Amino acid sequence: MHMKSIFHNYKCSLLEILLLLCSFILLGWAILSQIKGTGWSVWFETNSLDHIGSFMGGLFSIISIYYLAKNLAEQRQITTIQSFESNYLEIVKFCRDQVMQAKMPDSNSTMENKCQVSGREVFSLFFIQIENAIEETMAFIQKKALRNMFLSTQEYEHQQQIWGDKLQDRTIVSVAYMITYIGVRNRNIRLLKKKYLSQYNQVYIDELLSKFRLKLAQYAPEDIRGATENRLHQIEKLNCDDKEYYGFQDEIGNYFRLLYQAVTFVETQPNLSYQERYKYIKILRGQMSNMEEVILFYNSLCDFGLAWEYDRLKNATDLITKYNLIKNIPQNLTKISFEKFYPNVYYEYLKEKPSSRKDYEKG
């Protein structure tokens, strides 16, 4: 990837204009003084010319010192920008490497033709699974009172204050995302329940997870996949690790950490304007597929992705909205509306820019 340094066009500052103006005034004053001293004769004596030369030499020395200091400051700024760009490109490269190196079993492949998905196909598989998980979770939650999904009334009321009318959709996304991302294999199920879904009613969570734990991959042993639904065979299915919801955290967990690091690294550069920061982050966004943007949207609504925008306790800086990080998601692609959670993103299918974007672009 090639990236040009972003610099302002050179412009004289007010200080430089004043300095040069004062210099010319002083120079004119010195010449007029010498002319006056010679009786307004245009012919200077040699000593007079020496005095003017010495005066001009001192004046230009002061100007030279100013421009030397200015040049050194500009060199430091150039070095700082070059160092920033070098570090930024490294983070971006590591981030893209994570995508290219990602590999995991294709749950749709058969035991006879077991294969893997890799690279960007991993995100496509993630999208398919999380959309199905959202549909399953939505049907489950709609049969319950949303209040009862939470561990306590206090937790429900706390979440209601944060999310308002978005709470049901956010709950569906958060639960479905965690199930898809962590996976329901035996090695992950305890961590999923006790850590990532601990704020919810554990009876309901056990009931919901049992539905996902019975979903076997096509490559699971045929005698288990085709078993009758008696208790013994259900136990075999629950204990089988060849799951459709295998889990993605081992493959793309670092991707989201590096992606967040890249964006916040640009965001915290004090010497860059918003327009300059936007151009750098646009380069990163330009390498993301639509599926990556969709998964980022879902990631930002679960507990460990709130720092992108919704973590008000840690003063999240609206990174997704500010830099249009999900602007390329096609309209009506997702089961949960991304426009509902991010109404101020300038999506590529919009004909007009949201008026509220002016507030972000002032930064």
Foldseek 3Di string as FASTA:
>chain_A
DDDDFDDDDDDDDPVNVVLVVVLVVVLVVLVVVQCVVVVNDPDGDPVSVVVSVVVNVVSVVVVVVVVVVVVVVVVVVVVVSVVLVVVLVVLLVVLQVLQQAFKDWQLADAQVGTDIDGHCVVLVLLQVQLQVQLVLLLVLVVVDPVCQFFPDNVLVVVLCVQQPPCSVVLVSLQLSNLCLAQHLAPVRPVVSPVPQSVGTDSVSVVVSSLVQLLAARNHFDPCLVPDDPDPVSSVVSNNDQRGSSNHNCVRCVVSVVSLVVSLVSLVPDPVDALVRSLVSVVVSLVPDDLSNLVSLLSQCSHDVNVLCPRPVVVPRDVSCLLNVSNQANDPPPHPRDSCVVRVQRNHPVDPDHPPVNVVSNVD
